[in-house]
Amino acid sequence: MDKLFVSVLTFWNGIVNGEKEKGATATEYAVLVAFIALVVIGGVTVFGNQLSGWFNTLAGRVTNTAG
């Protein structure tokens, strides 16, 4: 896990300091995609029931307004 954290920090530092790289490697993209996926999965896990209730309430209001 520490290697992943160091890799993400190194990648971020390169972006912030504007290093002249021709492109990110597939590994860097894979780490970035994995991090985003973990954040999305975590958010859905934590707020899933609340989001479901909110969307159901919104759907009910739209149905009442349209009908």
C-alpha atoms as a PDB file:
ATOM      1  CA  MET A   1       0.000   0.000   0.000  1.00  0.00           C
ATOM      2  CA  ASP A   2       2.912   2.329   0.721  1.00  0.00           C
ATOM      3  CA  LYS A   3       4.285   1.808  -2.789  1.00  0.00           C
ATOM      4  CA  LEU A   4       0.931   2.806  -4.261  1.00  0.00           C
ATOM      5  CA  PHE A   5       0.830   5.949  -2.128  1.00  0.00           C
ATOM      6  CA  VAL A   6       4.390   6.904  -3.104  1.00  0.00           C
ATOM      7  CA  SER A   7       3.573   6.292  -6.774  1.00  0.00           C
ATOM      8  CA  VAL A   8       0.475   8.511  -6.605  1.00  0.00           C
ATOM      9  CA  LEU A   9       2.409  11.266  -4.815  1.00  0.00           C
ATOM     10  CA  THR A  10       5.224  11.099  -7.360  1.00  0.00           C
ATOM     11  CA  PHE A  11       2.732  11.270 -10.221  1.00  0.00           C
ATOM     12  CA  TRP A  12       0.929  14.225  -8.618  1.00  0.00           C
ATOM     13  CA  ASN A  13       4.212  16.040  -7.932  1.00  0.00           C
ATOM     14  CA  GLY A  14       5.159  15.697 -11.595  1.00  0.00           C
ATOM     15  CA  ILE A  15       1.846  17.250 -12.635  1.00  0.00           C
ATOM     16  CA  VAL A  16       2.043  20.130 -10.143  1.00  0.00           C
ATOM     17  CA  ASN A  17       5.662  21.026 -10.897  1.00  0.00           C
ATOM     18  CA  GLY A  18       5.082  20.846 -14.642  1.00  0.00           C
ATOM     19  CA  GLU A  19       7.755  18.326 -15.523  1.00  0.00           C
ATOM     20  CA  LYS A  20       8.265  17.936 -19.259  1.00  0.00           C
ATOM     21  CA  GLU A  21       7.042  14.422 -19.889  1.00  0.00           C
ATOM     22  CA  LYS A  22       5.738  13.310 -23.244  1.00  0.00           C
ATOM     23  CA  GLY A  23       2.949  11.330 -21.643  1.00  0.00           C
ATOM     24  CA  ALA A  24       1.934   9.282 -18.683  1.00  0.00           C
ATOM     25  CA  THR A  25       2.690   5.606 -18.680  1.00  0.00           C
ATOM     26  CA  ALA A  26       0.009   2.944 -18.610  1.00  0.00           C
ATOM     27  CA  THR A  27       0.912   2.234 -14.978  1.00  0.00           C
ATOM     28  CA  GLU A  28       0.211   5.809 -13.949  1.00  0.00           C
ATOM     29  CA  TYR A  29      -3.131   5.760 -15.724  1.00  0.00           C
ATOM     30  CA  ALA A  30      -3.990   2.427 -14.115  1.00  0.00           C
ATOM     31  CA  VAL A  31      -3.219   3.817 -10.645  1.00  0.00           C
ATOM     32  CA  LEU A  32      -5.323   6.905 -11.330  1.00  0.00           C
ATOM     33  CA  VAL A  33      -8.273   4.855 -12.609  1.00  0.00           C
ATOM     34  CA  ALA A  34      -8.028   2.491  -9.641  1.00  0.00           C
ATOM     35  CA  PHE A  35      -8.014   5.421  -7.206  1.00  0.00           C
ATOM     36  CA  ILE A  36     -11.077   6.995  -8.840  1.00  0.00           C
ATOM     37  CA  ALA A  37     -12.870   3.634  -8.828  1.00  0.00           C
ATOM     38  CA  LEU A  38     -12.172   3.174  -5.114  1.00  0.00           C
ATOM     39  CA  VAL A  39     -13.522   6.651  -4.349  1.00  0.00           C
ATOM     40  CA  VAL A  40     -16.705   6.006  -6.363  1.00  0.00           C
ATOM     41  CA  ILE A  41     -17.255   2.577  -4.801  1.00  0.00           C
ATOM     42  CA  GLY A  42     -16.660   4.003  -1.328  1.00  0.00           C
ATOM     43  CA  GLY A  43     -19.064   6.871  -1.924  1.00  0.00           C
ATOM     44  CA  VAL A  44     -21.807   4.587  -3.204  1.00  0.00           C
ATOM     45  CA  THR A  45     -21.281   2.225  -0.280  1.00  0.00           C
ATOM     46  CA  VAL A  46     -21.486   4.996   2.306  1.00  0.00           C
ATOM     47  CA  PHE A  47     -24.243   7.096   0.743  1.00  0.00           C
ATOM     48  CA  GLY A  48     -26.142   4.440  -1.271  1.00  0.00           C
ATOM     49  CA  ASN A  49     -29.345   4.372   0.769  1.00  0.00           C
ATOM     50  CA  GLN A  50     -29.467   8.152   1.103  1.00  0.00           C
ATOM     51  CA  LEU A  51     -28.987   8.604  -2.645  1.00  0.00           C
ATOM     52  CA  SER A  52     -31.672   6.036  -3.402  1.00  0.00           C
ATOM     53  CA  GLY A  53     -34.135   7.853  -1.144  1.00  0.00           C
ATOM     54  CA  TRP A  54     -33.256  11.208  -2.673  1.00  0.00           C
ATOM     55  CA  PHE A  55     -33.785   9.923  -6.231  1.00  0.00           C
ATOM     56  CA  ASN A  56     -37.103   8.317  -5.251  1.00  0.00           C
ATOM     57  CA  THR A  57     -38.268  11.610  -3.732  1.00  0.00           C
ATOM     58  CA  LEU A  58     -37.179  13.495  -6.834  1.00  0.00           C
ATOM     59  CA  ALA A  59     -38.950  11.002  -9.110  1.00  0.00           C
ATOM     60  CA  GLY A  60     -42.135  11.400  -7.070  1.00  0.00           C
ATOM     61  CA  ARG A  61     -42.005  15.176  -7.382  1.00  0.00           C
ATOM     62  CA  VAL A  62     -41.419  15.008 -11.150  1.00  0.00           C
ATOM     63  CA  THR A  63     -44.300  12.563 -11.539  1.00  0.00           C
ATOM     64  CA  ASN A  64     -46.636  14.785  -9.519  1.00  0.00           C
ATOM     65  CA  THR A  65     -45.647  17.870 -11.489  1.00  0.00           C
ATOM     66  CA  ALA A  66     -45.976  16.175 -14.883  1.00  0.00           C
ATOM     67  CA  GLY A  67     -49.233  14.400 -14.095  1.00  0.00           C
END
